[in-house]
């Protein structure tokens, strides 16, 4: 009887896991069945850079070379794809955690599963935890990472929610469970070798720790807080120690790179001190202040840096005489040098986040709000240099990482978490909005209202839909008599892109608001509310993600392998056995 009872207890969790597997397979069908792969720039570059190592291993019975001439002026091979005998147990554990699923399927699966574990730590039901998992895992940036080949960044991010789940369990007195989770996933994060993401989420952990400290002071439970903190410190140290070899070699090697300082003289305005990256390099990819609205409307700045001619909606507005030019002009008109796509967290997810600011109680709400604001403002980089300069100059390690726009992953974590906690509050305390629905109306008005205004009067909020660099380029390339008509037509095309997505976000928020209203009026039960929100958010975010990672991005694996077949030119070059050379291509 006990075994039967235990099975029933865990059955909803098993159903959720099966659902995650199904969702993950469906997204990547039919490519994953056909054995096709994504043509990823960074992955192709990594394969090419590692070809020398693989050739060496084939010629020397599996022996590894410790130096690679294909990177920069040569570099240690253990920094390219670090493998240590001590990490083999971790590798086996990570494969088991991903249930040995196919490559792309397992990526989405572990992203879903990690946040599900976190929601369960917050005592959410399996169904509500599934909602949280979906609205986190389907944030657009994660699919853009897969398309670009930033796989280790993706994997590191997938291990962060269960790491934080360990914190939640520990601070709630489940020290063994919390300590084990924190230790295991700290080790998994670090072994995934993208320390920038781990570093950014240390700030989130700090905010959450402060939230629990405030709660402990208020409830006079400081001894328990200190014990929980001690458990986490020990667990974290063990997780870090499991990756000591990799961390030590990374630290030693960093001294010889641009992150460790330079022997060359820098311009005074570019200098950051004795070590670290230069400011211009750190902030080259800075999110625009107005671009932040992509959290609500994905095409706020046009989406990705792909030819405008690829978008049928935009080309419907194109004048015939300019259609050929639009093959050379990108959809994106933001302030970054280029982008593979926007950071979109889901229109109704953002509405629920705002609602959570009103109805979720306790310091955790403020921790998540602080994390959101913190990441958004820092993502502005060179567009908000006061704070950026402070962090570069005074916050340890901040100047070791570039592409500050990527810190928006913190907002992508905090927003869906507070949104899911808002739904949890609605369900557990259904009367919370019965007498006063103002918080609901405000949250819908702030998000849906802004989306509606964007749709109705886009030029009222954005003075130009052409970037400064584009204006300079067009001024030099186009005859004077064509300049203004062309720019007017280009503006119309980009406005069409923007307003279409604004209407789309408004509709999603309207449907989501109607579902919440129906629940408050007892027209649908809580289970149907959650299931409907899962479907709504999944359809919304799935559609956006398919713009940046879809079946057309997959090719037969043989196409990728053939890229590294020796050509007659390669064979001629290899006749020169001098070990140090460069080829002018």
Protein backbone atom coordinates (compact mmCIF):
# COMPACT_ATOMS: atom_id res chain seq x y z
CA UNK A 1 0.00 0.00 0.00
CA UNK A 2 2.83 2.38 0.84
CA UNK A 3 4.46 1.84 -2.58
CA UNK A 4 1.15 2.56 -4.27
CA UNK A 5 0.73 5.72 -2.21
CA UNK A 6 4.25 6.90 -3.06
CA UNK A 7 3.64 6.29 -6.76
CA UNK A 8 0.44 8.34 -6.69
CA UNK A 9 2.30 11.10 -4.88
CA UNK A 10 4.93 11.37 -7.60
CA UNK A 11 2.65 10.58 -10.55
CA UNK A 12 1.92 14.27 -11.33
CA UNK A 13 5.67 14.96 -11.43
CA UNK A 14 6.21 12.02 -13.78
CA UNK A 15 3.42 13.29 -16.02
CA UNK A 16 5.08 16.72 -16.08
CA UNK A 17 8.43 15.17 -17.07
CA UNK A 18 6.78 13.19 -19.87
CA UNK A 19 5.04 16.38 -21.03
CA UNK A 20 8.39 18.19 -21.14
CA UNK A 21 9.85 15.39 -23.28
CA UNK A 22 6.90 15.55 -25.67
CA UNK A 23 7.06 19.35 -25.96
CA UNK A 24 10.81 19.21 -26.57
CA UNK A 25 10.46 16.59 -29.29
CA UNK A 26 7.61 18.42 -31.01
CA UNK A 27 9.52 21.70 -31.20
CA UNK A 28 12.44 20.07 -33.01
CA UNK A 29 10.39 17.82 -35.31
CA UNK A 30 11.00 16.68 -37.97
CA UNK A 31 14.68 17.69 -37.85
CA UNK A 32 15.60 15.56 -34.83
CA UNK A 33 13.99 12.46 -36.38
CA UNK A 34 15.84 13.05 -39.66
CA UNK A 35 19.15 13.44 -37.84
CA UNK A 36 19.65 16.99 -39.10
CA UNK A 37 21.69 19.65 -37.32
CA UNK A 38 21.58 23.43 -36.99
CA UNK A 39 24.13 25.38 -38.99
CA UNK A 40 25.55 27.33 -36.06
CA UNK A 41 28.32 29.85 -36.68
CA UNK A 42 29.98 29.43 -33.30
CA UNK A 43 29.68 25.65 -33.37
CA UNK A 44 31.16 25.46 -36.87
CA UNK A 45 34.01 27.70 -35.77
CA UNK A 46 34.61 25.49 -32.74
CA UNK A 47 34.61 22.35 -34.89
CA UNK A 48 37.11 23.94 -37.26
CA UNK A 49 39.32 25.10 -34.43
CA UNK A 50 39.30 21.64 -32.90
CA UNK A 51 40.00 19.77 -36.13
CA UNK A 52 43.75 19.90 -35.49
CA UNK A 53 43.24 18.22 -32.11
CA UNK A 54 41.06 15.48 -33.54
CA UNK A 55 43.55 14.79 -36.32
CA UNK A 56 46.34 14.55 -33.76
CA UNK A 57 44.38 12.07 -31.64
CA UNK A 58 43.71 9.88 -34.68
CA UNK A 59 47.39 9.82 -35.60
CA UNK A 60 48.59 9.16 -32.03
CA UNK A 61 46.22 6.44 -30.77
CA UNK A 62 43.98 8.77 -28.78
CA UNK A 63 46.74 10.83 -27.17
CA UNK A 64 45.70 14.44 -26.59
CA UNK A 65 47.68 17.43 -27.75
CA UNK A 66 47.93 20.26 -25.23
CA UNK A 67 48.50 23.03 -27.76
CA UNK A 68 46.44 24.27 -30.70
CA UNK A 69 47.76 26.47 -33.51
CA UNK A 70 44.30 27.20 -34.94
CA UNK A 71 43.32 29.69 -32.23
CA UNK A 72 44.78 33.19 -32.15
CA UNK A 73 48.58 32.81 -32.12
CA UNK A 74 48.25 29.39 -30.53
CA UNK A 75 46.72 28.52 -27.19
CA UNK A 76 46.40 25.59 -24.77
CA UNK A 77 43.91 23.06 -26.06
CA UNK A 78 42.58 22.44 -22.56
CA UNK A 79 41.02 25.92 -22.67
CA UNK A 80 39.08 25.15 -25.84
CA UNK A 81 37.25 22.04 -24.75
CA UNK A 82 38.36 21.22 -21.23
CA UNK A 83 38.17 17.55 -20.34
CA UNK A 84 39.55 16.11 -17.14
CA UNK A 85 39.34 12.60 -15.72
CA UNK A 86 37.97 14.14 -12.53
CA UNK A 87 34.95 15.48 -14.44
CA UNK A 88 33.84 12.11 -15.83
CA UNK A 89 31.40 11.40 -12.95
CA UNK A 90 29.82 14.81 -13.54
CA UNK A 91 29.51 14.13 -17.26
CA UNK A 92 27.76 10.84 -16.55
CA UNK A 93 25.43 12.52 -14.04
CA UNK A 94 24.54 15.28 -16.51
CA UNK A 95 23.67 12.72 -19.18
CA UNK A 96 21.43 10.92 -16.71
CA UNK A 97 19.77 14.22 -15.74
CA UNK A 98 18.95 14.85 -19.41
CA UNK A 99 17.52 11.29 -19.64
CA UNK A 100 19.92 10.56 -22.54
CA UNK A 101 17.61 12.40 -24.92
CA UNK A 102 18.75 13.45 -28.43
CA UNK A 103 20.94 16.53 -28.67
CA UNK A 104 18.55 19.45 -29.24
CA UNK A 105 15.66 17.77 -27.43
CA UNK A 106 17.72 17.42 -24.26
CA UNK A 107 18.58 21.14 -24.30
CA UNK A 108 14.96 22.24 -24.12
CA UNK A 109 14.12 19.42 -21.71
CA UNK A 110 16.73 20.40 -19.09
CA UNK A 111 15.66 24.04 -19.40
CA UNK A 112 12.07 23.03 -18.60
CA UNK A 113 13.00 20.55 -15.88
CA UNK A 114 15.30 22.95 -14.02
CA UNK A 115 12.64 25.61 -13.55
CA UNK A 116 10.08 22.94 -12.65
CA UNK A 117 12.36 21.89 -9.78
CA UNK A 118 12.57 25.53 -8.68
CA UNK A 119 8.79 25.98 -8.70
CA UNK A 120 8.37 22.83 -6.63
CA UNK A 121 10.80 24.33 -4.12
CA UNK A 122 8.33 27.23 -3.85
CA UNK A 123 5.63 24.65 -2.97
CA UNK A 124 3.80 25.15 -6.26
CA UNK A 125 1.57 22.38 -7.58
CA UNK A 126 2.89 20.23 -10.45
CA UNK A 127 0.56 21.96 -12.92
CA UNK A 128 1.58 25.45 -11.80
CA UNK A 129 5.23 24.37 -11.80
CA UNK A 130 4.71 23.31 -15.41
CA UNK A 131 3.44 26.79 -16.23
CA UNK A 132 6.53 28.32 -14.65
CA UNK A 133 8.77 25.94 -16.58
CA UNK A 134 7.16 26.83 -19.91
CA UNK A 135 7.27 30.61 -19.49
CA UNK A 136 10.94 30.42 -18.47
CA UNK A 137 12.17 27.90 -21.03
CA UNK A 138 10.44 29.52 -24.00
CA UNK A 139 11.98 32.94 -23.51
CA UNK A 140 13.26 33.89 -26.97
CA UNK A 141 16.90 34.40 -25.98
CA UNK A 142 17.40 30.72 -25.21
CA UNK A 143 16.36 29.62 -28.70
CA UNK A 144 18.55 32.32 -30.21
CA UNK A 145 21.46 30.84 -28.24
CA UNK A 146 20.82 27.43 -29.80
CA UNK A 147 20.62 28.93 -33.29
CA UNK A 148 23.89 30.82 -32.76
CA UNK A 149 25.67 27.80 -31.31
CA UNK A 150 26.15 29.23 -27.80
CA UNK A 151 25.37 25.83 -26.35
CA UNK A 152 27.47 26.03 -23.19
CA UNK A 153 25.88 29.34 -22.28
CA UNK A 154 22.46 27.71 -22.75
CA UNK A 155 23.40 24.68 -20.64
CA UNK A 156 24.80 26.85 -17.85
CA UNK A 157 21.54 28.81 -17.76
CA UNK A 158 19.55 25.57 -17.62
CA UNK A 159 21.36 24.57 -14.43
CA UNK A 160 20.75 27.88 -12.64
CA UNK A 161 17.08 27.41 -11.56
CA UNK A 162 17.75 24.08 -9.77
CA UNK A 163 20.78 25.68 -8.11
CA UNK A 164 18.54 28.41 -6.74
CA UNK A 165 15.99 25.74 -5.80
CA UNK A 166 18.68 24.41 -3.48
CA UNK A 167 18.82 27.83 -1.83
CA UNK A 168 15.06 27.89 -1.35
CA UNK A 169 14.99 24.42 0.22
CA UNK A 170 17.93 25.21 2.51
CA UNK A 171 16.47 28.48 3.79
CA UNK A 172 13.20 26.70 4.47
CA UNK A 173 14.91 24.18 6.72
CA UNK A 174 15.36 21.28 4.29
CA UNK A 175 19.12 21.37 4.64
CA UNK A 176 20.01 17.99 3.17
CA UNK A 177 17.79 18.39 0.13
CA UNK A 178 18.83 22.00 -0.40
CA UNK A 179 22.52 21.35 0.14
CA UNK A 180 22.60 18.44 -2.31
CA UNK A 181 20.77 20.38 -5.02
CA UNK A 182 22.99 23.42 -4.53
CA UNK A 183 26.18 21.34 -4.59
CA UNK A 184 25.27 19.24 -7.63
CA UNK A 185 24.03 22.07 -9.84
CA UNK A 186 26.80 24.45 -8.81
CA UNK A 187 29.21 21.79 -10.04
CA UNK A 188 27.16 21.31 -13.23
CA UNK A 189 27.13 25.06 -13.90
CA UNK A 190 30.86 25.51 -13.54
CA UNK A 191 31.68 22.41 -15.57
CA UNK A 192 29.57 23.85 -18.40
CA UNK A 193 32.31 26.46 -18.69
CA UNK A 194 30.39 29.70 -19.11
CA UNK A 195 31.35 31.56 -15.96
CA UNK A 196 29.81 34.82 -17.16
CA UNK A 197 26.30 33.43 -16.67
CA UNK A 198 27.21 31.97 -13.28
CA UNK A 199 28.71 35.32 -12.28
CA UNK A 200 25.57 37.26 -13.23
CA UNK A 201 23.36 34.97 -11.19
CA UNK A 202 25.51 35.44 -8.11
CA UNK A 203 23.76 38.81 -7.89
CA UNK A 204 20.37 37.07 -8.01
CA UNK A 205 21.46 34.74 -5.22
CA UNK A 206 22.60 37.77 -3.23
CA UNK A 207 19.18 39.43 -3.63
CA UNK A 208 17.39 36.22 -2.65
CA UNK A 209 19.71 35.75 0.33
CA UNK A 210 18.91 39.28 1.50
CA UNK A 211 15.19 38.50 1.16
CA UNK A 212 15.55 35.48 3.44
CA UNK A 213 17.69 37.53 5.84
CA UNK A 214 14.95 40.16 6.12
CA UNK A 215 12.40 37.42 6.75
CA UNK A 216 14.64 35.79 9.39
CA UNK A 217 15.12 39.10 11.22
CA UNK A 218 11.40 39.77 11.16
CA UNK A 219 10.53 36.29 12.46
CA UNK A 220 13.51 36.20 14.86
CA UNK A 221 14.92 33.08 13.20
CA UNK A 222 18.54 34.15 12.76
CA UNK A 223 20.07 30.87 14.07
CA UNK A 224 18.19 28.93 11.40
CA UNK A 225 19.21 31.46 8.76
CA UNK A 226 22.87 31.17 9.73
CA UNK A 227 22.73 27.37 9.67
CA UNK A 228 21.11 27.43 6.21
CA UNK A 229 23.75 29.86 4.96
CA UNK A 230 26.47 27.60 6.33
CA UNK A 231 24.99 24.58 4.55
CA UNK A 232 24.94 26.49 1.26
CA UNK A 233 28.51 27.73 1.70
CA UNK A 234 29.79 24.20 2.28
CA UNK A 235 27.73 22.85 -0.63
CA UNK A 236 28.97 25.64 -2.90
CA UNK A 237 32.60 25.03 -1.95
CA UNK A 238 32.24 21.32 -2.75
CA UNK A 239 30.60 22.16 -6.09
CA UNK A 240 33.44 24.54 -6.93
CA UNK A 241 36.09 22.06 -5.75
CA UNK A 242 34.70 19.45 -8.14
CA UNK A 243 35.86 21.76 -10.94
CA UNK A 244 39.15 22.83 -9.38
CA UNK A 245 41.29 21.69 -12.32
CA UNK A 246 39.29 23.64 -14.88
CA UNK A 247 39.03 26.75 -12.71
CA UNK A 248 42.73 26.77 -11.89
CA UNK A 249 43.82 26.46 -15.51
CA UNK A 250 41.32 29.12 -16.57
CA UNK A 251 42.65 31.47 -13.89
CA UNK A 252 46.27 30.88 -14.85
CA UNK A 253 45.60 31.24 -18.57
CA UNK A 254 43.51 34.41 -18.12
CA UNK A 255 46.64 36.23 -16.93
CA UNK A 256 48.08 35.85 -20.45
CA UNK A 257 44.96 37.09 -22.24
CA UNK A 258 43.31 40.46 -22.78
CA UNK A 259 41.32 39.79 -19.59
CA UNK A 260 44.50 39.73 -17.56
CA UNK A 261 46.01 42.94 -18.86
CA UNK A 262 48.12 43.98 -21.82
CA UNK A 263 51.76 44.79 -22.43
CA UNK A 264 50.65 47.31 -25.06
CA UNK A 265 49.84 50.92 -24.25
CA UNK A 266 46.13 51.70 -24.26
CA UNK A 267 44.35 54.95 -24.87
CA UNK A 268 43.62 56.58 -21.53
CA UNK A 269 39.87 56.70 -22.14
CA UNK A 270 39.78 53.00 -22.99
CA UNK A 271 41.77 51.83 -20.00
CA UNK A 272 40.13 49.98 -17.16
CA UNK A 273 43.16 49.70 -14.95
CA UNK A 274 45.80 47.04 -14.66
CA UNK A 275 43.60 44.19 -15.80
CA UNK A 276 40.27 43.44 -17.43
CA UNK A 277 38.76 44.25 -20.80
CA UNK A 278 38.51 47.72 -22.32
CA UNK A 279 35.28 49.62 -21.85
CA UNK A 280 34.49 49.82 -25.55
CA UNK A 281 34.89 46.06 -25.86
CA UNK A 282 32.81 45.37 -22.75
CA UNK A 283 29.95 47.61 -23.91
CA UNK A 284 30.02 47.03 -27.69
CA UNK A 285 26.80 45.02 -27.42
CA UNK A 286 24.65 47.24 -25.20
CA UNK A 287 20.87 47.02 -25.23
CA UNK A 288 19.21 50.27 -26.24
CA UNK A 289 17.01 51.95 -23.63
CA UNK A 290 14.05 51.97 -26.01
CA UNK A 291 14.98 48.48 -27.13
CA UNK A 292 14.00 47.21 -23.67
CA UNK A 293 10.40 47.18 -24.88
CA UNK A 294 11.23 43.94 -26.73
CA UNK A 295 10.39 42.26 -23.42
CA UNK A 296 6.78 43.14 -24.29
CA UNK A 297 6.79 43.53 -28.10
CA UNK A 298 9.44 41.37 -29.81
CA UNK A 299 9.78 43.46 -32.98
CA UNK A 300 10.24 46.74 -31.13
CA UNK A 301 13.51 47.21 -33.04
CA UNK A 302 12.79 44.91 -35.95
CA UNK A 303 13.88 41.57 -34.53
CA UNK A 304 17.04 40.06 -36.00
CA UNK A 305 19.73 41.45 -38.30
CA UNK A 306 18.44 39.54 -41.33
CA UNK A 307 17.53 40.99 -44.74
CA UNK A 308 14.32 42.98 -44.75
CA UNK A 309 13.40 41.22 -47.99
CA UNK A 310 12.82 38.00 -46.01
CA UNK A 311 9.79 39.46 -44.23
CA UNK A 312 6.64 39.28 -46.32
CA UNK A 313 4.68 41.72 -44.15
CA UNK A 314 7.36 44.37 -44.57
CA UNK A 315 7.78 43.73 -48.30
CA UNK A 316 4.06 44.32 -48.80
CA UNK A 317 4.89 47.97 -48.05
CA UNK A 318 7.98 48.10 -50.29
CA UNK A 319 8.01 50.36 -53.32
CA UNK A 320 8.93 48.39 -56.48
CA UNK A 321 11.96 50.54 -57.32
CA UNK A 322 13.55 49.83 -53.93
CA UNK A 323 12.80 46.12 -53.55
CA UNK A 324 16.28 45.03 -54.62
CA UNK A 325 17.92 47.38 -52.11
CA UNK A 326 15.99 45.75 -49.27
CA UNK A 327 17.96 42.54 -49.82
CA UNK A 328 20.95 44.42 -48.37
CA UNK A 329 19.16 46.13 -45.47
CA UNK A 330 18.43 44.43 -42.16
CA UNK A 331 15.16 44.28 -40.27
CA UNK A 332 16.94 45.36 -37.07
CA UNK A 333 17.36 49.09 -36.48
CA UNK A 334 18.51 49.15 -32.88
CA UNK A 335 21.74 50.41 -31.35
CA UNK A 336 23.67 47.14 -31.21
CA UNK A 337 26.13 46.33 -34.03
CA UNK A 338 23.86 43.41 -34.92
CA UNK A 339 21.69 40.81 -33.24
CA UNK A 340 20.30 37.34 -33.83
CA UNK A 341 17.01 38.35 -32.23
CA UNK A 342 15.34 40.18 -29.33
CA UNK A 343 14.83 39.27 -25.69
CA UNK A 344 11.10 38.52 -25.42
CA UNK A 345 9.68 37.11 -22.19
CA UNK A 346 6.04 36.82 -23.24
CA UNK A 347 3.44 39.59 -23.27
CA UNK A 348 1.10 38.07 -20.71
CA UNK A 349 4.03 36.83 -18.63
CA UNK A 350 5.05 40.46 -18.25
CA UNK A 351 1.46 41.36 -17.28
CA UNK A 352 1.52 38.66 -14.59
CA UNK A 353 4.88 39.98 -13.37
CA UNK A 354 3.35 43.42 -12.85
CA UNK A 355 0.36 41.81 -11.10
CA UNK A 356 2.79 39.95 -8.85
CA UNK A 357 4.21 43.26 -7.64
CA UNK A 358 0.79 43.97 -6.12
CA UNK A 359 -0.40 40.63 -4.80
CA UNK A 360 2.69 38.56 -3.91
CA UNK A 361 3.65 39.14 -0.28
CA UNK A 362 7.04 39.03 1.38
CA UNK A 363 10.58 40.16 0.58
CA UNK A 364 11.03 37.65 -2.28
CA UNK A 365 8.95 39.94 -4.47
CA UNK A 366 11.37 42.80 -3.89
CA UNK A 367 14.36 40.55 -4.55
CA UNK A 368 12.94 39.60 -7.94
CA UNK A 369 12.04 43.21 -8.75
CA UNK A 370 15.55 44.32 -7.77
CA UNK A 371 17.05 41.61 -9.99
CA UNK A 372 14.89 42.70 -12.92
CA UNK A 373 15.73 46.40 -12.64
CA UNK A 374 19.38 45.62 -11.95
CA UNK A 375 19.77 43.53 -15.10
CA UNK A 376 17.82 45.88 -17.37
CA UNK A 377 19.81 48.95 -16.37
CA UNK A 378 23.17 47.17 -16.60
CA UNK A 379 22.22 45.74 -20.01
CA UNK A 380 22.09 49.32 -21.32
CA UNK A 381 25.89 49.46 -20.99
CA UNK A 382 27.25 52.43 -22.93
CA UNK A 383 23.75 53.95 -22.97
CA UNK A 384 23.90 54.28 -19.17
CA UNK A 385 27.60 54.73 -18.50
CA UNK A 386 27.30 56.11 -14.97
CA UNK A 387 26.30 52.76 -13.50
CA UNK A 388 28.34 50.79 -16.04
CA UNK A 389 31.51 52.71 -15.15
CA UNK A 390 30.89 52.08 -11.46
CA UNK A 391 30.59 48.33 -11.99
CA UNK A 392 33.62 48.19 -14.28
CA UNK A 393 35.76 50.14 -11.83
CA UNK A 394 34.56 48.85 -8.47
CA UNK A 395 32.72 45.51 -8.72
CA UNK A 396 35.15 42.56 -8.75
CA UNK A 397 35.26 40.51 -11.97
CA UNK A 398 32.69 42.64 -13.82
CA UNK A 399 35.33 43.91 -16.25
CA UNK A 400 36.25 40.35 -17.25
CA UNK A 401 33.09 39.88 -19.34
CA UNK A 402 31.87 41.46 -22.56
CA UNK A 403 28.46 41.82 -24.24
CA UNK A 404 26.69 43.43 -21.29
CA UNK A 405 23.32 42.98 -23.02
CA UNK A 406 23.48 39.31 -22.03
CA UNK A 407 22.86 40.24 -18.38
CA UNK A 408 19.20 40.45 -19.40
CA UNK A 409 19.11 36.71 -18.64
CA UNK A 410 18.60 37.81 -15.03
CA UNK A 411 15.38 39.63 -15.98
CA UNK A 412 14.39 36.59 -18.04
CA UNK A 413 14.63 34.58 -14.82
CA UNK A 414 13.03 37.02 -12.38
CA UNK A 415 10.05 37.98 -14.56
CA UNK A 416 8.61 34.47 -15.13
CA UNK A 417 9.32 33.47 -11.54
CA UNK A 418 7.34 36.37 -10.09
CA UNK A 419 4.66 35.84 -12.76
CA UNK A 420 4.27 32.20 -11.68
CA UNK A 421 4.20 33.22 -8.01
CA UNK A 422 1.43 35.69 -8.87
CA UNK A 423 -0.67 32.87 -10.33
CA UNK A 424 0.10 30.80 -7.22
CA UNK A 425 -1.18 33.64 -5.04
CA UNK A 426 -4.35 33.98 -7.14
CA UNK A 427 -5.14 30.29 -6.80
CA UNK A 428 -4.32 29.90 -3.11
CA UNK A 429 -6.10 33.14 -2.15
CA UNK A 430 -8.84 33.52 -4.79
CA UNK A 431 -10.48 36.29 -2.78
CA UNK A 432 -7.39 38.48 -2.98
CA UNK A 433 -8.84 40.44 -5.93
CA UNK A 434 -12.53 39.86 -5.19
CA UNK A 435 -13.23 43.19 -3.54
CA UNK A 436 -10.55 45.18 -5.34
CA UNK A 437 -9.61 44.31 -8.90
CA UNK A 438 -7.50 47.44 -9.32
CA UNK A 439 -4.17 45.50 -9.30
CA UNK A 440 -5.44 43.36 -12.18
CA UNK A 441 -6.60 46.39 -14.16
CA UNK A 442 -3.30 48.19 -13.54
CA UNK A 443 -1.20 45.22 -14.65
CA UNK A 444 -3.28 44.77 -17.80
CA UNK A 445 -3.32 48.51 -18.43
CA UNK A 446 0.43 48.98 -18.01
CA UNK A 447 1.28 46.14 -20.40
CA UNK A 448 -1.72 45.82 -22.70
CA UNK A 449 -2.24 49.57 -22.72
CA UNK A 450 1.34 50.21 -23.79
CA UNK A 451 1.08 47.55 -26.51
CA UNK A 452 -2.14 49.16 -27.77
CA UNK A 453 -0.56 52.63 -27.84
CA UNK A 454 2.43 51.23 -29.73
CA UNK A 455 0.04 49.72 -32.27
CA UNK A 456 -2.04 52.88 -32.71
CA UNK A 457 0.66 55.57 -32.58
CA UNK A 458 4.13 54.03 -33.07
CA UNK A 459 5.78 57.26 -34.22
CA UNK A 460 4.66 59.00 -31.05
CA UNK A 461 7.01 56.80 -29.02
CA UNK A 462 9.86 56.24 -31.47
CA UNK A 463 11.02 59.28 -33.39
CA UNK A 464 12.94 57.26 -35.97
CA UNK A 465 12.88 53.74 -37.35
CA UNK A 466 16.26 54.14 -39.00
CA UNK A 467 19.50 53.93 -37.04
CA UNK A 468 22.10 56.70 -37.06
CA UNK A 469 24.64 54.53 -38.88
CA UNK A 470 22.05 53.67 -41.55
CA UNK A 471 21.24 57.34 -42.10
CA UNK A 472 24.91 58.07 -42.68
CA UNK A 473 25.22 55.14 -45.07
CA UNK A 474 22.10 56.06 -47.05
CA UNK A 475 23.22 59.69 -47.28
CA UNK A 476 26.44 58.59 -48.96
CA UNK A 477 25.00 55.82 -51.14
CA UNK A 478 21.74 57.25 -52.50
CA UNK A 479 21.16 60.18 -54.88
CA UNK A 480 19.63 63.18 -53.14
CA UNK A 481 16.32 62.88 -55.02
CA UNK A 482 15.84 59.29 -53.79
CA UNK A 483 17.00 59.75 -50.19
CA UNK A 484 13.81 61.05 -48.59
CA UNK A 485 11.36 58.82 -50.52
CA UNK A 486 13.48 55.78 -49.74
CA UNK A 487 13.77 56.57 -46.03
CA UNK A 488 10.02 57.21 -45.85
CA UNK A 489 9.31 53.84 -47.46
CA UNK A 490 11.80 52.06 -45.19
CA UNK A 491 10.13 53.68 -42.17
CA UNK A 492 6.71 52.46 -43.33
CA UNK A 493 8.05 48.92 -43.67
CA UNK A 494 9.59 48.87 -40.23
CA UNK A 495 6.53 50.48 -38.66
CA UNK A 496 4.49 47.65 -40.17
CA UNK A 497 6.77 45.11 -38.47
CA UNK A 498 6.51 46.88 -35.14
CA UNK A 499 2.77 47.52 -35.11
CA UNK A 500 1.95 43.95 -36.16
CA UNK A 501 3.76 42.63 -33.10
CA UNK A 502 2.25 45.33 -30.89
CA UNK A 503 -1.24 44.20 -31.92
CA UNK A 504 -0.15 40.62 -31.34
CA UNK A 505 1.03 41.36 -27.78
CA UNK A 506 -2.15 43.32 -27.06
CA UNK A 507 -4.29 40.37 -28.16
CA UNK A 508 -2.30 37.92 -26.00
CA UNK A 509 -2.71 40.16 -22.94
CA UNK A 510 -6.42 40.60 -23.67
CA UNK A 511 -6.96 36.82 -23.81
CA UNK A 512 -4.88 36.25 -20.68
CA UNK A 513 -6.75 38.97 -18.81
CA UNK A 514 -10.06 37.43 -19.83
CA UNK A 515 -8.95 34.04 -18.48
CA UNK A 516 -7.98 35.52 -15.11
CA UNK A 517 -11.28 37.43 -14.95
CA UNK A 518 -13.22 34.22 -15.67
CA UNK A 519 -11.39 32.51 -12.81
CA UNK A 520 -12.10 35.36 -10.41
CA UNK A 521 -15.78 35.21 -11.38
CA UNK A 522 -15.72 31.42 -10.74
CA UNK A 523 -16.54 30.62 -14.35
CA UNK A 524 -13.52 28.31 -14.64
CA UNK A 525 -11.62 26.28 -12.05
CA UNK A 526 -8.00 26.88 -11.12
CA UNK A 527 -6.81 23.82 -13.06
CA UNK A 528 -8.42 25.14 -16.23
CA UNK A 529 -6.95 28.58 -15.63
CA UNK A 530 -3.42 27.20 -15.36
CA UNK A 531 -3.86 24.85 -18.33
CA UNK A 532 -5.24 27.71 -20.43
CA UNK A 533 -2.36 29.99 -19.46
CA UNK A 534 0.15 27.27 -20.34
CA UNK A 535 -1.45 26.95 -23.77
CA UNK A 536 -1.69 30.72 -24.30
CA UNK A 537 1.91 31.43 -23.33
CA UNK A 538 3.22 28.40 -25.18
CA UNK A 539 1.49 29.40 -28.42
CA UNK A 540 2.63 33.02 -28.03
CA UNK A 541 6.29 32.30 -27.26
CA UNK A 542 6.53 29.28 -29.57
CA UNK A 543 5.51 31.48 -32.51
CA UNK A 544 8.16 34.09 -31.74
CA UNK A 545 10.88 31.48 -31.20
CA UNK A 546 10.14 29.83 -34.54
CA UNK A 547 11.25 33.07 -36.20
CA UNK A 548 14.78 32.46 -34.95
CA UNK A 549 15.04 28.67 -34.72
CA UNK A 550 12.87 26.69 -37.11
CA UNK A 551 13.05 23.64 -39.35
CA UNK A 552 14.66 25.66 -42.13
CA UNK A 553 17.74 26.18 -39.96
CA UNK A 554 18.51 22.45 -39.92
CA UNK A 555 20.61 20.70 -42.58
CA UNK A 556 21.79 17.08 -43.02
CA UNK A 557 24.74 16.36 -40.75
CA UNK A 558 26.83 15.32 -43.77
CA UNK A 559 26.67 18.92 -45.03
CA UNK A 560 28.42 20.06 -41.87
CA UNK A 561 30.97 17.26 -41.94
CA UNK A 562 31.87 17.98 -45.56
CA UNK A 563 32.93 21.49 -44.60
CA UNK A 564 36.14 20.02 -43.17
CA UNK A 565 37.06 17.64 -45.98
CA UNK A 566 40.53 18.35 -47.38
CA UNK A 567 40.61 20.23 -50.68
CA UNK A 568 43.50 20.06 -53.18
CA UNK A 569 44.60 23.47 -51.88
CA UNK A 570 44.68 22.16 -48.30
CA UNK A 571 46.76 19.17 -49.35
CA UNK A 572 49.24 21.43 -51.14
CA UNK A 573 49.58 23.70 -48.09
CA UNK A 574 50.12 20.70 -45.81
CA UNK A 575 53.19 19.73 -47.82
CA UNK A 576 54.93 22.48 -45.87
CA UNK A 577 55.84 20.73 -42.62
CA UNK A 578 57.01 23.91 -40.87
CA UNK A 579 54.99 23.92 -37.63
CA UNK A 580 54.40 27.69 -37.48
CA UNK A 581 52.60 29.35 -40.36
CA UNK A 582 49.67 31.50 -41.36
CA UNK A 583 47.63 31.14 -44.55
CA UNK A 584 46.40 34.19 -46.45
CA UNK A 585 43.00 33.23 -47.81
